[in-house]
Amino acid sequence: MDSAGQDINLNSPNKGLLSDSMTDVPVDTGVAARTPATEGLTEAEEEELRAELTKVEEEIVTLRQVLAAKERHCGELKRRLGLSTLGGLKQNLSRSWHDVQVSNAYVKTSEKLGEWNEKVTQSDLYKKTQETLSQAGQKTSAALSTVGSAISRKLGDMRNSATFKSFEDRVGTIKSKVVGDRENGSDNLPSSAGSGDKPLSDPAPF
């Protein structure tokens, strides 16, 4: 028994048996990696597609490099012109908003909203609701006006009452007494300057 032809996988059920299908045929990596999408292509077609793919990838790299160079040049021009990044952002936003406003979707949406608004404002339910709110507002204003008039009238009655007048007279009397006492007290205070000018009496002789 040739050990080289035996199955070297110890977990295989054919362990120790010769494999009739195992031959020393080199494996083609290109065939092994071929996907089902390329099975219907000839070798020449596949080589042509691979060459075109390589060319497109190289063009993408070149375009990215050109774009990066253009962006750097654009930034340098803006810097020399004194254009800030914030200004450019505002300009881009304004341009984008203008593009949105003139777009078909925005115009159609605005027209649709206008139609809905007109239908709602012209509907009977909207008119009834508006009338109800208007009447409620008028009633509320009238009620507040009535309450204010009643409060003013009540305050007037209180000022004209005998109790309020008696209280007002007492407050006036107390105020007059306080003011009068303060004035009289200030007039009766001894003058410090006069007491200083008064000569001292001579002592009695012995």
N, C-alpha and C. Protein backbone atom coordinates (compact mmCIF):
# COMPACT_ATOMS: atom_id res chain seq x y z
N MET A 1 0.86 -1.19 0.00
CA MET A 1 0.00 0.00 0.00
C MET A 1 0.89 1.23 0.00
N ASP A 2 0.61 2.11 -0.95
CA ASP A 2 1.39 3.34 -1.05
C ASP A 2 0.82 4.38 -0.13
N SER A 3 1.62 4.81 0.83
CA SER A 3 1.14 5.78 1.82
C SER A 3 0.92 7.14 1.18
N ALA A 4 1.55 7.45 0.05
CA ALA A 4 1.39 8.75 -0.58
C ALA A 4 0.01 8.91 -1.17
N GLY A 5 -0.65 7.77 -1.54
CA GLY A 5 -1.97 7.84 -2.13
C GLY A 5 -3.08 7.71 -1.13
N GLN A 6 -2.77 7.57 0.14
CA GLN A 6 -3.77 7.44 1.18
C GLN A 6 -4.36 8.79 1.54
N ASP A 7 -5.60 8.78 2.06
CA ASP A 7 -6.25 10.00 2.53
C ASP A 7 -5.61 10.43 3.83
N ILE A 8 -5.04 11.64 3.82
CA ILE A 8 -4.32 12.11 5.02
C ILE A 8 -5.27 12.73 6.02
N ASN A 9 -6.54 12.90 5.69
CA ASN A 9 -7.51 13.46 6.63
C ASN A 9 -7.90 12.36 7.60
N LEU A 10 -7.53 12.50 8.88
CA LEU A 10 -7.79 11.47 9.87
C LEU A 10 -9.26 11.37 10.21
N ASN A 11 -10.04 12.41 9.99
CA ASN A 11 -11.46 12.40 10.28
C ASN A 11 -12.30 11.93 9.11
N SER A 12 -11.70 11.61 8.01
CA SER A 12 -12.44 11.20 6.82
C SER A 12 -12.87 9.75 6.95
N PRO A 13 -14.06 9.40 6.45
CA PRO A 13 -14.49 7.99 6.49
C PRO A 13 -13.69 7.10 5.55
N ASN A 14 -12.98 7.73 4.59
CA ASN A 14 -12.14 6.96 3.66
C ASN A 14 -10.71 6.86 4.13
N LYS A 15 -10.54 7.01 5.44
CA LYS A 15 -9.19 6.98 6.00
C LYS A 15 -8.54 5.63 5.69
N GLY A 16 -7.33 5.73 5.13
CA GLY A 16 -6.58 4.53 4.85
C GLY A 16 -6.88 3.92 3.50
N LEU A 17 -7.86 4.45 2.72
CA LEU A 17 -8.21 3.92 1.42
C LEU A 17 -7.59 4.76 0.33
N LEU A 18 -7.36 4.14 -0.79
CA LEU A 18 -6.82 4.87 -1.93
C LEU A 18 -7.92 5.70 -2.56
N SER A 19 -7.62 6.90 -2.99
CA SER A 19 -8.58 7.78 -3.63
C SER A 19 -8.37 7.70 -5.12
N ASP A 20 -9.42 7.24 -5.82
CA ASP A 20 -9.32 7.11 -7.27
C ASP A 20 -9.37 8.46 -7.97
N SER A 21 -10.02 9.46 -7.32
CA SER A 21 -10.18 10.75 -7.97
C SER A 21 -9.03 11.69 -7.72
N MET A 22 -8.18 11.41 -6.79
CA MET A 22 -7.07 12.29 -6.46
C MET A 22 -5.91 12.01 -7.40
N THR A 23 -5.58 13.07 -8.17
CA THR A 23 -4.43 12.98 -9.09
C THR A 23 -3.59 14.20 -8.90
N ASP A 24 -2.40 14.13 -9.36
CA ASP A 24 -1.47 15.25 -9.23
C ASP A 24 -1.68 16.23 -10.37
N VAL A 25 -2.94 16.86 -10.42
CA VAL A 25 -3.24 17.84 -11.44
C VAL A 25 -3.11 19.21 -10.82
N PRO A 26 -2.36 20.12 -11.40
CA PRO A 26 -2.22 21.47 -10.83
C PRO A 26 -3.56 22.21 -10.89
N VAL A 27 -3.82 22.99 -9.83
CA VAL A 27 -5.06 23.73 -9.72
C VAL A 27 -4.88 25.09 -10.39
N ASP A 28 -5.83 25.45 -11.28
CA ASP A 28 -5.81 26.74 -11.94
C ASP A 28 -6.54 27.75 -11.06
N THR A 29 -5.81 28.71 -10.52
CA THR A 29 -6.42 29.69 -9.63
C THR A 29 -7.44 30.54 -10.35
N GLY A 30 -7.22 30.86 -11.62
CA GLY A 30 -8.16 31.65 -12.39
C GLY A 30 -9.49 30.93 -12.57
N VAL A 31 -9.44 29.67 -12.81
CA VAL A 31 -10.67 28.89 -12.95
C VAL A 31 -11.37 28.75 -11.61
N ALA A 32 -10.60 28.56 -10.53
CA ALA A 32 -11.19 28.40 -9.22
C ALA A 32 -11.87 29.67 -8.75
N ALA A 33 -11.32 30.83 -9.09
CA ALA A 33 -11.88 32.10 -8.64
C ALA A 33 -12.95 32.63 -9.60
N ARG A 34 -13.24 31.93 -10.68
CA ARG A 34 -14.20 32.40 -11.65
C ARG A 34 -15.61 32.35 -11.06
N THR A 35 -16.30 33.43 -11.16
CA THR A 35 -17.65 33.51 -10.64
C THR A 35 -18.64 33.01 -11.67
N PRO A 36 -19.88 32.70 -11.25
CA PRO A 36 -20.89 32.23 -12.22
C PRO A 36 -21.20 33.24 -13.29
N ALA A 37 -20.97 34.56 -13.02
CA ALA A 37 -21.30 35.56 -14.01
C ALA A 37 -20.36 35.51 -15.22
N THR A 38 -19.14 34.93 -15.02
CA THR A 38 -18.17 34.87 -16.13
C THR A 38 -18.13 33.51 -16.79
N GLU A 39 -19.02 32.62 -16.43
CA GLU A 39 -18.98 31.29 -17.01
C GLU A 39 -19.38 31.31 -18.48
N GLY A 40 -20.25 32.30 -18.86
CA GLY A 40 -20.68 32.36 -20.25
C GLY A 40 -19.76 33.15 -21.15
N LEU A 41 -18.60 33.63 -20.65
CA LEU A 41 -17.66 34.42 -21.43
C LEU A 41 -16.51 33.55 -21.92
N THR A 42 -16.04 33.94 -23.07
CA THR A 42 -14.85 33.26 -23.57
C THR A 42 -13.62 33.86 -22.91
N GLU A 43 -12.53 33.21 -23.08
CA GLU A 43 -11.29 33.70 -22.45
C GLU A 43 -10.89 35.05 -23.01
N ALA A 44 -11.11 35.23 -24.29
CA ALA A 44 -10.75 36.51 -24.91
C ALA A 44 -11.65 37.64 -24.38
N GLU A 45 -12.96 37.35 -24.25
CA GLU A 45 -13.88 38.36 -23.73
C GLU A 45 -13.55 38.72 -22.29
N GLU A 46 -13.21 37.72 -21.52
CA GLU A 46 -12.87 37.99 -20.12
C GLU A 46 -11.61 38.84 -20.02
N GLU A 47 -10.60 38.55 -20.84
CA GLU A 47 -9.38 39.35 -20.82
C GLU A 47 -9.66 40.79 -21.25
N GLU A 48 -10.56 40.95 -22.24
CA GLU A 48 -10.90 42.28 -22.69
C GLU A 48 -11.62 43.08 -21.59
N LEU A 49 -12.55 42.44 -20.87
CA LEU A 49 -13.26 43.11 -19.79
C LEU A 49 -12.33 43.47 -18.64
N ARG A 50 -11.40 42.57 -18.34
CA ARG A 50 -10.46 42.86 -17.26
C ARG A 50 -9.56 44.04 -17.63
N ALA A 51 -9.16 44.13 -18.87
CA ALA A 51 -8.33 45.25 -19.31
C ALA A 51 -9.12 46.56 -19.24
N GLU A 52 -10.39 46.51 -19.64
CA GLU A 52 -11.23 47.71 -19.57
C GLU A 52 -11.46 48.13 -18.12
N LEU A 53 -11.65 47.15 -17.21
CA LEU A 53 -11.83 47.45 -15.80
C LEU A 53 -10.59 48.13 -15.23
N THR A 54 -9.42 47.63 -15.58
CA THR A 54 -8.18 48.24 -15.11
C THR A 54 -8.05 49.67 -15.61
N LYS A 55 -8.42 49.89 -16.87
CA LYS A 55 -8.34 51.23 -17.44
C LYS A 55 -9.30 52.19 -16.74
N VAL A 56 -10.54 51.73 -16.45
CA VAL A 56 -11.52 52.59 -15.77
C VAL A 56 -11.05 52.93 -14.37
N GLU A 57 -10.48 51.96 -13.65
CA GLU A 57 -9.98 52.22 -12.30
C GLU A 57 -8.85 53.24 -12.32
N GLU A 58 -7.98 53.15 -13.31
CA GLU A 58 -6.90 54.13 -13.43
C GLU A 58 -7.46 55.52 -13.73
N GLU A 59 -8.49 55.61 -14.56
CA GLU A 59 -9.11 56.89 -14.86
C GLU A 59 -9.77 57.49 -13.61
N ILE A 60 -10.39 56.64 -12.78
CA ILE A 60 -11.01 57.12 -11.54
C ILE A 60 -9.96 57.71 -10.62
N VAL A 61 -8.82 57.05 -10.49
CA VAL A 61 -7.74 57.57 -9.64
C VAL A 61 -7.25 58.91 -10.17
N THR A 62 -7.10 58.99 -11.50
CA THR A 62 -6.64 60.26 -12.10
C THR A 62 -7.64 61.39 -11.87
N LEU A 63 -8.93 61.10 -12.04
CA LEU A 63 -9.95 62.12 -11.82
C LEU A 63 -9.99 62.58 -10.37
N ARG A 64 -9.78 61.66 -9.43
CA ARG A 64 -9.74 62.04 -8.02
C ARG A 64 -8.57 62.98 -7.76
N GLN A 65 -7.43 62.70 -8.36
CA GLN A 65 -6.27 63.57 -8.18
C GLN A 65 -6.52 64.95 -8.78
N VAL A 66 -7.14 64.98 -9.97
CA VAL A 66 -7.46 66.26 -10.60
C VAL A 66 -8.45 67.04 -9.76
N LEU A 67 -9.50 66.36 -9.20
CA LEU A 67 -10.49 67.02 -8.37
C LEU A 67 -9.85 67.60 -7.12
N ALA A 68 -8.95 66.85 -6.49
CA ALA A 68 -8.28 67.35 -5.28
C ALA A 68 -7.45 68.59 -5.61
N ALA A 69 -6.76 68.58 -6.77
CA ALA A 69 -5.97 69.74 -7.17
C ALA A 69 -6.87 70.94 -7.45
N LYS A 70 -8.01 70.72 -8.10
CA LYS A 70 -8.95 71.81 -8.37
C LYS A 70 -9.51 72.39 -7.07
N GLU A 71 -9.82 71.54 -6.10
CA GLU A 71 -10.34 72.02 -4.82
C GLU A 71 -9.30 72.86 -4.10
N ARG A 72 -8.05 72.43 -4.14
CA ARG A 72 -6.99 73.23 -3.49
C ARG A 72 -6.85 74.59 -4.18
N HIS A 73 -6.91 74.58 -5.52
CA HIS A 73 -6.79 75.84 -6.26
C HIS A 73 -7.99 76.74 -5.97
N CYS A 74 -9.19 76.17 -5.87
CA CYS A 74 -10.39 76.94 -5.54
C CYS A 74 -10.27 77.56 -4.15
N GLY A 75 -9.79 76.79 -3.17
CA GLY A 75 -9.60 77.31 -1.82
C GLY A 75 -8.59 78.45 -1.78
N GLU A 76 -7.53 78.32 -2.58
CA GLU A 76 -6.53 79.38 -2.64
C GLU A 76 -7.11 80.65 -3.24
N LEU A 77 -7.92 80.53 -4.28
CA LEU A 77 -8.55 81.70 -4.89
C LEU A 77 -9.51 82.38 -3.92
N LYS A 78 -10.30 81.60 -3.19
CA LYS A 78 -11.22 82.18 -2.21
C LYS A 78 -10.47 82.89 -1.10
N ARG A 79 -9.34 82.31 -0.69
CA ARG A 79 -8.55 82.93 0.37
C ARG A 79 -7.99 84.27 -0.09
N ARG A 80 -7.53 84.33 -1.32
CA ARG A 80 -6.97 85.57 -1.85
C ARG A 80 -8.05 86.63 -2.08
N LEU A 81 -9.27 86.19 -2.37
CA LEU A 81 -10.38 87.12 -2.56
C LEU A 81 -11.05 87.52 -1.26
N GLY A 82 -10.64 86.89 -0.15
CA GLY A 82 -11.23 87.22 1.14
C GLY A 82 -12.58 86.57 1.38
N LEU A 83 -12.88 85.53 0.63
CA LEU A 83 -14.14 84.81 0.81
C LEU A 83 -13.95 83.75 1.87
N SER A 84 -14.76 83.85 2.94
CA SER A 84 -14.64 82.89 4.03
C SER A 84 -15.43 81.63 3.71
N THR A 85 -15.18 80.61 4.50
CA THR A 85 -15.92 79.35 4.33
C THR A 85 -17.37 79.53 4.67
N LEU A 86 -17.66 80.38 5.69
CA LEU A 86 -19.04 80.61 6.08
C LEU A 86 -19.82 81.31 4.97
N GLY A 87 -19.17 82.28 4.31
CA GLY A 87 -19.83 82.95 3.20
C GLY A 87 -20.14 81.99 2.07
N GLY A 88 -19.19 81.12 1.77
CA GLY A 88 -19.45 80.12 0.72
C GLY A 88 -20.56 79.17 1.10
N LEU A 89 -20.61 78.81 2.38
CA LEU A 89 -21.68 77.93 2.84
C LEU A 89 -23.03 78.61 2.71
N LYS A 90 -23.12 79.91 3.10
CA LYS A 90 -24.38 80.64 2.95
C LYS A 90 -24.79 80.73 1.49
N GLN A 91 -23.82 80.97 0.63
CA GLN A 91 -24.13 81.07 -0.79
C GLN A 91 -24.63 79.74 -1.33
N ASN A 92 -24.00 78.66 -0.90
CA ASN A 92 -24.44 77.34 -1.35
C ASN A 92 -25.84 77.02 -0.84
N LEU A 93 -26.11 77.39 0.42
CA LEU A 93 -27.44 77.15 0.98
C LEU A 93 -28.50 77.97 0.25
N SER A 94 -28.17 79.24 -0.07
CA SER A 94 -29.12 80.08 -0.79
C SER A 94 -29.39 79.51 -2.18
N ARG A 95 -28.34 79.06 -2.83
CA ARG A 95 -28.51 78.47 -4.16
C ARG A 95 -29.33 77.18 -4.08
N SER A 96 -29.06 76.38 -3.04
CA SER A 96 -29.81 75.13 -2.89
C SER A 96 -31.29 75.41 -2.61
N TRP A 97 -31.56 76.41 -1.75
CA TRP A 97 -32.95 76.75 -1.44
C TRP A 97 -33.66 77.29 -2.68
N HIS A 98 -32.96 78.09 -3.48
CA HIS A 98 -33.55 78.58 -4.72
C HIS A 98 -33.84 77.43 -5.67
N ASP A 99 -32.94 76.47 -5.74
CA ASP A 99 -33.17 75.30 -6.58
C ASP A 99 -34.38 74.51 -6.10
N VAL A 100 -34.53 74.43 -4.78
CA VAL A 100 -35.68 73.71 -4.23
C VAL A 100 -36.98 74.43 -4.58
N GLN A 101 -36.95 75.79 -4.46
CA GLN A 101 -38.16 76.56 -4.72
C GLN A 101 -38.62 76.47 -6.17
N VAL A 102 -37.67 76.38 -7.08
CA VAL A 102 -38.04 76.31 -8.50
C VAL A 102 -38.20 74.88 -8.98
N SER A 103 -38.01 73.93 -8.11
CA SER A 103 -38.17 72.53 -8.52
C SER A 103 -39.64 72.20 -8.71
N ASN A 104 -39.89 71.21 -9.53
CA ASN A 104 -41.28 70.81 -9.83
C ASN A 104 -41.99 70.28 -8.59
N ALA A 105 -41.26 69.53 -7.75
CA ALA A 105 -41.87 68.96 -6.55
C ALA A 105 -42.33 70.06 -5.60
N TYR A 106 -41.50 71.09 -5.42
CA TYR A 106 -41.86 72.19 -4.52
C TYR A 106 -43.04 72.98 -5.07
N VAL A 107 -43.02 73.25 -6.37
CA VAL A 107 -44.11 74.01 -6.98
C VAL A 107 -45.43 73.24 -6.88
N LYS A 108 -45.38 71.95 -7.15
CA LYS A 108 -46.60 71.14 -7.07
C LYS A 108 -47.11 71.07 -5.62
N THR A 109 -46.17 70.93 -4.68
CA THR A 109 -46.58 70.87 -3.27
C THR A 109 -47.21 72.19 -2.82
N SER A 110 -46.62 73.33 -3.24
CA SER A 110 -47.18 74.63 -2.88
C SER A 110 -48.58 74.80 -3.48
N GLU A 111 -48.73 74.40 -4.72
CA GLU A 111 -50.05 74.51 -5.35
C GLU A 111 -51.07 73.62 -4.63
N LYS A 112 -50.63 72.43 -4.25
CA LYS A 112 -51.54 71.51 -3.56
C LYS A 112 -51.94 72.07 -2.20
N LEU A 113 -50.99 72.63 -1.46
CA LEU A 113 -51.31 73.22 -0.17
C LEU A 113 -52.25 74.41 -0.32
N GLY A 114 -52.04 75.21 -1.38
CA GLY A 114 -52.95 76.32 -1.62
C GLY A 114 -54.37 75.86 -1.91
N GLU A 115 -54.50 74.79 -2.68
CA GLU A 115 -55.83 74.25 -2.95
C GLU A 115 -56.49 73.73 -1.68
N TRP A 116 -55.71 73.02 -0.85
CA TRP A 116 -56.26 72.51 0.42
C TRP A 116 -56.68 73.67 1.33
N ASN A 117 -55.87 74.72 1.39
CA ASN A 117 -56.21 75.86 2.23
C ASN A 117 -57.50 76.53 1.76
N GLU A 118 -57.63 76.66 0.45
CA GLU A 118 -58.84 77.27 -0.09
C GLU A 118 -60.07 76.41 0.21
N LYS A 119 -59.91 75.10 0.07
CA LYS A 119 -61.04 74.21 0.35
C LYS A 119 -61.44 74.27 1.83
N VAL A 120 -60.42 74.32 2.70
CA VAL A 120 -60.72 74.34 4.14
C VAL A 120 -61.40 75.65 4.53
N THR A 121 -60.87 76.79 4.02
CA THR A 121 -61.45 78.08 4.40
C THR A 121 -62.84 78.28 3.80
N GLN A 122 -63.14 77.62 2.72
CA GLN A 122 -64.46 77.76 2.09
C GLN A 122 -65.46 76.72 2.58
N SER A 123 -65.04 75.82 3.43
CA SER A 123 -65.94 74.77 3.91
C SER A 123 -66.90 75.33 4.97
N ASP A 124 -68.06 74.69 5.08
CA ASP A 124 -69.08 75.12 6.07
C ASP A 124 -68.58 74.92 7.49
N LEU A 125 -67.85 73.85 7.73
CA LEU A 125 -67.35 73.57 9.07
C LEU A 125 -66.39 74.66 9.53
N TYR A 126 -65.51 75.11 8.63
CA TYR A 126 -64.56 76.17 8.99
C TYR A 126 -65.30 77.47 9.29
N LYS A 127 -66.30 77.81 8.46
CA LYS A 127 -67.05 79.04 8.68
C LYS A 127 -67.81 79.00 10.00
N LYS A 128 -68.42 77.85 10.30
CA LYS A 128 -69.15 77.75 11.57
C LYS A 128 -68.20 77.87 12.76
N THR A 129 -67.05 77.21 12.64
CA THR A 129 -66.07 77.30 13.73
C THR A 129 -65.58 78.73 13.93
N GLN A 130 -65.34 79.44 12.83
CA GLN A 130 -64.89 80.82 12.93
C GLN A 130 -65.96 81.71 13.56
N GLU A 131 -67.22 81.50 13.17
CA GLU A 131 -68.30 82.27 13.75
C GLU A 131 -68.45 81.98 15.25
N THR A 132 -68.31 80.71 15.61
CA THR A 132 -68.42 80.33 17.03
C THR A 132 -67.31 80.98 17.86
N LEU A 133 -66.08 80.96 17.33
CA LEU A 133 -64.96 81.58 18.05
C LEU A 133 -65.15 83.09 18.16
N SER A 134 -65.69 83.71 17.10
CA SER A 134 -65.92 85.16 17.14
C SER A 134 -66.97 85.51 18.19
N GLN A 135 -68.05 84.74 18.23
CA GLN A 135 -69.09 84.99 19.23
C GLN A 135 -68.56 84.77 20.65
N ALA A 136 -67.76 83.72 20.83
CA ALA A 136 -67.18 83.47 22.15
C ALA A 136 -66.27 84.62 22.57
N GLY A 137 -65.49 85.17 21.62
CA GLY A 137 -64.63 86.30 21.95
C GLY A 137 -65.41 87.53 22.33
N GLN A 138 -66.51 87.79 21.61
CA GLN A 138 -67.34 88.95 21.94
C GLN A 138 -67.98 88.79 23.31
N LYS A 139 -68.45 87.58 23.61
CA LYS A 139 -69.05 87.35 24.93
C LYS A 139 -68.02 87.51 26.04
N THR A 140 -66.83 87.03 25.80
CA THR A 140 -65.77 87.17 26.82
C THR A 140 -65.43 88.63 27.06
N SER A 141 -65.33 89.42 25.97
CA SER A 141 -65.02 90.84 26.12
C SER A 141 -66.13 91.56 26.88
N ALA A 142 -67.38 91.21 26.56
CA ALA A 142 -68.51 91.84 27.25
C ALA A 142 -68.50 91.49 28.74
N ALA A 143 -68.19 90.22 29.05
CA ALA A 143 -68.17 89.80 30.45
C ALA A 143 -67.07 90.52 31.22
N LEU A 144 -65.89 90.65 30.60
CA LEU A 144 -64.80 91.35 31.27
C LEU A 144 -65.14 92.83 31.47
N SER A 145 -65.79 93.43 30.48
CA SER A 145 -66.19 94.82 30.62
C SER A 145 -67.20 95.00 31.75
N THR A 146 -68.12 94.04 31.85
CA THR A 146 -69.12 94.12 32.93
C THR A 146 -68.46 93.98 34.30
N VAL A 147 -67.52 93.05 34.40
CA VAL A 147 -66.82 92.86 35.67
C VAL A 147 -66.04 94.11 36.04
N GLY A 148 -65.35 94.73 35.05
CA GLY A 148 -64.60 95.94 35.34
C GLY A 148 -65.49 97.09 35.79
N SER A 149 -66.66 97.23 35.14
CA SER A 149 -67.59 98.29 35.55
C SER A 149 -68.12 98.05 36.95
N ALA A 150 -68.41 96.79 37.28
CA ALA A 150 -68.91 96.47 38.61
C ALA A 150 -67.87 96.77 39.68
N ILE A 151 -66.60 96.46 39.40
CA ILE A 151 -65.53 96.74 40.37
C ILE A 151 -65.38 98.24 40.57
N SER A 152 -65.42 99.00 39.45
CA SER A 152 -65.28 100.45 39.57
C SER A 152 -66.45 101.05 40.37
N ARG A 153 -67.64 100.57 40.11
CA ARG A 153 -68.81 101.07 40.83
C ARG A 153 -68.73 100.71 42.30
N LYS A 154 -68.25 99.52 42.60
CA LYS A 154 -68.12 99.10 44.00
C LYS A 154 -67.10 99.96 44.74
N LEU A 155 -66.00 100.27 44.06
CA LEU A 155 -64.99 101.12 44.70
C LEU A 155 -65.53 102.52 44.93
N GLY A 156 -66.31 103.02 43.97
CA GLY A 156 -66.92 104.34 44.15
C GLY A 156 -67.88 104.36 45.32
N ASP A 157 -68.68 103.29 45.44
CA ASP A 157 -69.61 103.21 46.58
C ASP A 157 -68.86 103.17 47.90
N MET A 158 -67.75 102.45 47.92
CA MET A 158 -66.97 102.36 49.16
C MET A 158 -66.40 103.73 49.54
N ARG A 159 -65.92 104.51 48.55
CA ARG A 159 -65.35 105.83 48.86
C ARG A 159 -66.42 106.81 49.35
N ASN A 160 -67.64 106.61 48.87
CA ASN A 160 -68.72 107.51 49.29
C ASN A 160 -69.41 107.05 50.58
N SER A 161 -69.03 105.91 51.09
CA SER A 161 -69.68 105.42 52.30
C SER A 161 -69.20 106.20 53.52
N ALA A 162 -70.05 106.22 54.58
CA ALA A 162 -69.71 106.95 55.81
C ALA A 162 -68.51 106.34 56.51
N THR A 163 -68.38 105.02 56.45
CA THR A 163 -67.26 104.34 57.10
C THR A 163 -65.94 104.77 56.48
N PHE A 164 -65.90 104.79 55.13
CA PHE A 164 -64.66 105.17 54.46
C PHE A 164 -64.31 106.63 54.73
N LYS A 165 -65.32 107.52 54.71
CA LYS A 165 -65.06 108.93 54.97
C LYS A 165 -64.56 109.15 56.39
N SER A 166 -65.16 108.43 57.37
CA SER A 166 -64.71 108.54 58.76
C SER A 166 -63.27 108.07 58.90
N PHE A 167 -62.97 106.97 58.23
CA PHE A 167 -61.59 106.46 58.26
C PHE A 167 -60.64 107.46 57.61
N GLU A 168 -61.05 108.06 56.49
CA GLU A 168 -60.22 109.04 55.81
C GLU A 168 -59.99 110.27 56.68
N ASP A 169 -61.03 110.71 57.41
CA ASP A 169 -60.89 111.85 58.30
C ASP A 169 -59.91 111.55 59.43
N ARG A 170 -60.01 110.33 59.96
CA ARG A 170 -59.09 109.96 61.05
C ARG A 170 -57.66 109.94 60.56
N VAL A 171 -57.46 109.41 59.38
CA VAL A 171 -56.10 109.39 58.85
C VAL A 171 -55.58 110.79 58.65
N GLY A 172 -56.45 111.71 58.16
CA GLY A 172 -56.03 113.09 57.98
C GLY A 172 -55.70 113.77 59.29
N THR A 173 -56.49 113.51 60.34
CA THR A 173 -56.24 114.11 61.65
C THR A 173 -54.92 113.63 62.21
N ILE A 174 -54.69 112.32 62.11
CA ILE A 174 -53.42 111.76 62.63
C ILE A 174 -52.23 112.36 61.87
N LYS A 175 -52.39 112.50 60.58
CA LYS A 175 -51.30 113.07 59.78
C LYS A 175 -51.01 114.51 60.18
N SER A 176 -52.10 115.27 60.42
CA SER A 176 -51.92 116.68 60.82
C SER A 176 -51.24 116.78 62.17
N LYS A 177 -51.62 115.92 63.10
CA LYS A 177 -51.00 115.95 64.43
C LYS A 177 -49.53 115.61 64.36
N VAL A 178 -49.19 114.61 63.55
CA VAL A 178 -47.79 114.21 63.45
C VAL A 178 -46.96 115.33 62.85
N VAL A 179 -47.47 115.95 61.78
CA VAL A 179 -46.74 117.04 61.14
C VAL A 179 -46.61 118.23 62.08
N GLY A 180 -47.73 118.56 62.83
CA GLY A 180 -47.69 119.69 63.77
C GLY A 180 -46.71 119.46 64.90
N ASP A 181 -46.70 118.23 65.44
CA ASP A 181 -45.76 117.93 66.53
C ASP A 181 -44.33 118.05 66.06
N ARG A 182 -44.06 117.62 64.84
CA ARG A 182 -42.68 117.70 64.34
C ARG A 182 -42.27 119.17 64.19
N GLU A 183 -43.18 120.00 63.67
CA GLU A 183 -42.84 121.42 63.51
C GLU A 183 -42.63 122.09 64.85
N ASN A 184 -43.51 121.85 65.82
CA ASN A 184 -43.37 122.45 67.15
C ASN A 184 -42.12 121.97 67.85
N GLY A 185 -41.82 120.71 67.70
CA GLY A 185 -40.61 120.18 68.35
C GLY A 185 -39.36 120.80 67.80
N SER A 186 -39.32 121.05 66.48
CA SER A 186 -38.12 121.65 65.89
C SER A 186 -37.96 123.10 66.32
N ASP A 187 -39.11 123.84 66.58
CA ASP A 187 -39.02 125.23 67.02
C ASP A 187 -38.59 125.33 68.47
N ASN A 188 -38.94 124.41 69.34
CA ASN A 188 -38.65 124.48 70.77
C ASN A 188 -37.30 123.91 71.15
N LEU A 189 -36.56 123.38 70.15
CA LEU A 189 -35.28 122.78 70.47
C LEU A 189 -34.30 123.89 70.85
N PRO A 190 -33.48 123.80 71.98
CA PRO A 190 -32.50 124.82 72.36
C PRO A 190 -31.40 124.89 71.34
N SER A 191 -30.91 126.08 71.11
CA SER A 191 -29.85 126.27 70.14
C SER A 191 -28.51 125.99 70.79
N SER A 192 -27.76 125.14 70.13
CA SER A 192 -26.45 124.79 70.66
C SER A 192 -25.49 125.97 70.55
N ALA A 193 -25.70 126.79 69.49
CA ALA A 193 -24.81 127.95 69.32
C ALA A 193 -25.08 128.99 70.40
N GLY A 194 -26.37 129.20 70.80
CA GLY A 194 -26.71 130.19 71.83
C GLY A 194 -26.19 129.78 73.17
N SER A 195 -26.24 128.52 73.46
CA SER A 195 -25.74 128.06 74.76
C SER A 195 -24.23 128.21 74.83
N GLY A 196 -23.61 128.17 73.70
CA GLY A 196 -22.16 128.34 73.71
C GLY A 196 -21.77 129.78 73.91
N ASP A 197 -22.63 130.74 73.46
CA ASP A 197 -22.29 132.15 73.59
C ASP A 197 -22.61 132.71 74.97
N LYS A 198 -23.42 131.99 75.79
CA LYS A 198 -23.81 132.48 77.11
C LYS A 198 -22.60 132.50 78.04
N PRO A 199 -22.27 133.70 78.68
CA PRO A 199 -21.07 133.76 79.56
C PRO A 199 -21.31 133.02 80.85
N LEU A 200 -20.19 132.45 81.37
CA LEU A 200 -20.25 131.72 82.63
C LEU A 200 -20.36 132.72 83.80
N SER A 201 -21.17 132.40 84.79
CA SER A 201 -21.32 133.29 85.97
C SER A 201 -20.08 133.21 86.84
N ASP A 202 -19.72 134.36 87.45
CA ASP A 202 -18.55 134.39 88.33
C ASP A 202 -18.86 133.66 89.62
N PRO A 203 -17.85 133.02 90.16
CA PRO A 203 -18.08 132.33 91.43
C PRO A 203 -18.30 133.32 92.57
N ALA A 204 -19.12 132.93 93.58
CA ALA A 204 -19.46 133.84 94.70
C ALA A 204 -18.21 134.07 95.55
N PRO A 205 -17.97 135.30 95.99
CA PRO A 205 -16.75 135.57 96.79
C PRO A 205 -16.93 134.99 98.19
N PHE A 206 -15.84 134.69 98.79
CA PHE A 206 -15.86 134.15 100.16
C PHE A 206 -15.96 135.29 101.13
